[in-house]
Amino acid sequence: MAGDPYAKRLLWFVFTGSKGGLNRIRLISVIRKTPLNANQLAKELGLDYKAIQHHVNVLEKNNLITRVGEKYGATFFISTFLEVNLETFDEIVTKLEQSKYAKRG
């Protein structure tokens, strides 16, 4: 896979460089199918509202999601930058799943 090397490094860092990476992957996977607001995301993912706010801030700062609307009711969508780099995102998810199963096996 060719892809943008900057994007690849950024995605690897955001999704594997810290403890919250797996929740950020889950968040992206949910809003990729259906854009939701923070409260809906908290319910869907079974996470605390404050945790969702933290992950949303990290993803927004790294231009991976965009917010439509204001304050509480703002709905989150994947960004154009992430849409262009979904192949890299999917590659990361696949590698993480493979490593999870390799550890179990």
C-alpha atoms as a PDB file:
ATOM      1  CA  MET A   1       0.000   0.000   0.000  1.00  0.00           C
ATOM      2  CA  ALA A   2       1.444   3.336  -1.049  1.00  0.00           C
ATOM      3  CA  GLY A   3      -0.584   5.944   0.842  1.00  0.00           C
ATOM      4  CA  ASP A   4       0.567   9.168   2.438  1.00  0.00           C
ATOM      5  CA  PRO A   5       3.433   8.431   4.876  1.00  0.00           C
ATOM      6  CA  TYR A   6       2.448  11.403   7.094  1.00  0.00           C
ATOM      7  CA  ALA A   7      -1.133  10.124   7.342  1.00  0.00           C
ATOM      8  CA  LYS A   8       0.050   6.617   8.104  1.00  0.00           C
ATOM      9  CA  ARG A   9       2.291   7.819  10.964  1.00  0.00           C
ATOM     10  CA  LEU A  10      -0.454  10.031  12.360  1.00  0.00           C
ATOM     11  CA  LEU A  11      -3.056   7.262  12.303  1.00  0.00           C
ATOM     12  CA  TRP A  12      -0.692   4.743  13.894  1.00  0.00           C
ATOM     13  CA  PHE A  13       0.132   7.257  16.631  1.00  0.00           C
ATOM     14  CA  VAL A  14      -3.489   8.257  17.365  1.00  0.00           C
ATOM     15  CA  PHE A  15      -4.804   4.685  17.397  1.00  0.00           C
ATOM     16  CA  THR A  16      -1.896   2.702  18.848  1.00  0.00           C
ATOM     17  CA  GLY A  17       0.283   5.262  20.634  1.00  0.00           C
ATOM     18  CA  SER A  18      -1.762   5.404  23.825  1.00  0.00           C
ATOM     19  CA  LYS A  19      -4.164   3.474  26.012  1.00  0.00           C
ATOM     20  CA  GLY A  20      -7.250   5.182  24.556  1.00  0.00           C
ATOM     21  CA  GLY A  21      -6.491   4.164  20.988  1.00  0.00           C
ATOM     22  CA  LEU A  22      -8.887   1.232  20.976  1.00  0.00           C
ATOM     23  CA  ASN A  23     -11.766   3.421  22.146  1.00  0.00           C
ATOM     24  CA  ARG A  24     -10.901   5.938  19.412  1.00  0.00           C
ATOM     25  CA  ILE A  25     -11.018   3.100  16.864  1.00  0.00           C
ATOM     26  CA  ARG A  26     -14.434   2.070  18.216  1.00  0.00           C
ATOM     27  CA  LEU A  27     -15.633   5.690  18.046  1.00  0.00           C
ATOM     28  CA  ILE A  28     -14.497   6.085  14.426  1.00  0.00           C
ATOM     29  CA  SER A  29     -16.069   2.755  13.481  1.00  0.00           C
ATOM     30  CA  VAL A  30     -19.438   3.865  14.908  1.00  0.00           C
ATOM     31  CA  ILE A  31     -19.568   7.333  13.337  1.00  0.00           C
ATOM     32  CA  ARG A  32     -18.320   5.920  10.038  1.00  0.00           C
ATOM     33  CA  LYS A  33     -21.660   4.072   9.836  1.00  0.00           C
ATOM     34  CA  THR A  34     -23.888   6.653  11.547  1.00  0.00           C
ATOM     35  CA  PRO A  35     -22.871  10.172  12.591  1.00  0.00           C
ATOM     36  CA  LEU A  36     -23.844  10.743  16.237  1.00  0.00           C
ATOM     37  CA  ASN A  37     -23.496  13.362  18.977  1.00  0.00           C
ATOM     38  CA  ALA A  38     -21.372  12.855  22.110  1.00  0.00           C
ATOM     39  CA  ASN A  39     -24.268  11.633  24.267  1.00  0.00           C
ATOM     40  CA  GLN A  40     -25.320   9.090  21.638  1.00  0.00           C
ATOM     41  CA  LEU A  41     -21.702   7.939  21.299  1.00  0.00           C
ATOM     42  CA  ALA A  42     -21.429   7.460  25.063  1.00  0.00           C
ATOM     43  CA  LYS A  43     -24.542   5.263  25.075  1.00  0.00           C
ATOM     44  CA  GLU A  44     -23.527   3.344  21.938  1.00  0.00           C
ATOM     45  CA  LEU A  45     -20.006   2.620  23.189  1.00  0.00           C
ATOM     46  CA  GLY A  46     -20.867   2.188  26.861  1.00  0.00           C
ATOM     47  CA  LEU A  47     -18.374   4.876  27.854  1.00  0.00           C
ATOM     48  CA  ASP A  48     -18.576   7.839  30.193  1.00  0.00           C
ATOM     49  CA  TYR A  49     -19.612  11.121  28.530  1.00  0.00           C
ATOM     50  CA  LYS A  50     -16.352  12.768  29.717  1.00  0.00           C
ATOM     51  CA  ALA A  51     -14.324   9.969  28.105  1.00  0.00           C
ATOM     52  CA  ILE A  52     -16.169  10.546  24.822  1.00  0.00           C
ATOM     53  CA  GLN A  53     -15.408  14.275  25.057  1.00  0.00           C
ATOM     54  CA  HIS A  54     -11.713  13.507  25.551  1.00  0.00           C
ATOM     55  CA  HIS A  55     -11.539  11.109  22.585  1.00  0.00           C
ATOM     56  CA  VAL A  56     -13.527  13.493  20.377  1.00  0.00           C
ATOM     57  CA  ASN A  57     -11.088  16.305  21.234  1.00  0.00           C
ATOM     58  CA  VAL A  58      -8.083  14.126  20.344  1.00  0.00           C
ATOM     59  CA  LEU A  59      -9.699  13.076  17.060  1.00  0.00           C
ATOM     60  CA  GLU A  60     -10.717  16.654  16.185  1.00  0.00           C
ATOM     61  CA  LYS A  61      -7.244  18.050  16.933  1.00  0.00           C
ATOM     62  CA  ASN A  62      -5.791  15.474  14.561  1.00  0.00           C
ATOM     63  CA  ASN A  63      -8.352  16.264  11.832  1.00  0.00           C
ATOM     64  CA  LEU A  64      -9.868  12.763  11.918  1.00  0.00           C
ATOM     65  CA  ILE A  65     -13.436  13.821  12.689  1.00  0.00           C
ATOM     66  CA  THR A  66     -15.474  16.943  12.072  1.00  0.00           C
ATOM     67  CA  ARG A  67     -18.217  18.504  14.155  1.00  0.00           C
ATOM     68  CA  VAL A  68     -21.450  19.783  12.649  1.00  0.00           C
ATOM     69  CA  GLY A  69     -23.528  21.946  14.939  1.00  0.00           C
ATOM     70  CA  GLU A  70     -22.862  23.671  18.221  1.00  0.00           C
ATOM     71  CA  LYS A  71     -22.190  22.529  21.774  1.00  0.00           C
ATOM     72  CA  TYR A  72     -24.232  19.627  23.180  1.00  0.00           C
ATOM     73  CA  GLY A  73     -26.096  18.679  20.020  1.00  0.00           C
ATOM     74  CA  ALA A  74     -23.058  18.706  17.711  1.00  0.00           C
ATOM     75  CA  THR A  75     -22.936  15.655  15.470  1.00  0.00           C
ATOM     76  CA  PHE A  76     -19.613  14.033  14.590  1.00  0.00           C
ATOM     77  CA  PHE A  77     -18.610  12.756  11.163  1.00  0.00           C
ATOM     78  CA  ILE A  78     -15.369  11.286   9.875  1.00  0.00           C
ATOM     79  CA  SER A  79     -13.274  13.990   8.227  1.00  0.00           C
ATOM     80  CA  THR A  80     -12.369  14.233   4.558  1.00  0.00           C
ATOM     81  CA  PHE A  81      -8.750  13.585   5.589  1.00  0.00           C
ATOM     82  CA  LEU A  82      -9.751  10.298   7.239  1.00  0.00           C
ATOM     83  CA  GLU A  83     -12.036   9.356   4.333  1.00  0.00           C
ATOM     84  CA  VAL A  84      -9.059   9.684   1.992  1.00  0.00           C
ATOM     85  CA  ASN A  85      -6.997   7.512   4.363  1.00  0.00           C
ATOM     86  CA  LEU A  86      -9.582   4.883   5.306  1.00  0.00           C
ATOM     87  CA  GLU A  87      -7.425   2.176   3.744  1.00  0.00           C
ATOM     88  CA  THR A  88      -4.705   2.939   6.291  1.00  0.00           C
ATOM     89  CA  PHE A  89      -7.264   3.027   9.124  1.00  0.00           C
ATOM     90  CA  ASP A  90      -8.616  -0.371   8.061  1.00  0.00           C
ATOM     91  CA  GLU A  91      -5.066  -1.732   7.827  1.00  0.00           C
ATOM     92  CA  ILE A  92      -4.379  -0.641  11.430  1.00  0.00           C
ATOM     93  CA  VAL A  93      -7.616  -2.221  12.668  1.00  0.00           C
ATOM     94  CA  THR A  94      -6.802  -5.483  10.859  1.00  0.00           C
ATOM     95  CA  LYS A  95      -3.265  -5.618  12.267  1.00  0.00           C
ATOM     96  CA  LEU A  96      -4.503  -4.931  15.796  1.00  0.00           C
ATOM     97  CA  GLU A  97      -7.137  -7.667  15.480  1.00  0.00           C
ATOM     98  CA  GLN A  98      -4.532 -10.113  14.147  1.00  0.00           C
ATOM     99  CA  SER A  99      -2.149  -9.336  17.003  1.00  0.00           C
ATOM    100  CA  LYS A 100      -4.982  -9.761  19.546  1.00  0.00           C
ATOM    101  CA  TYR A 101      -5.790 -13.216  18.172  1.00  0.00           C
ATOM    102  CA  ALA A 102      -2.101 -14.150  17.909  1.00  0.00           C
ATOM    103  CA  LYS A 103      -1.693 -13.440  21.639  1.00  0.00           C
ATOM    104  CA  ARG A 104      -4.662 -15.663  22.497  1.00  0.00           C
ATOM    105  CA  GLY A 105      -3.663 -18.541  20.208  1.00  0.00           C
END
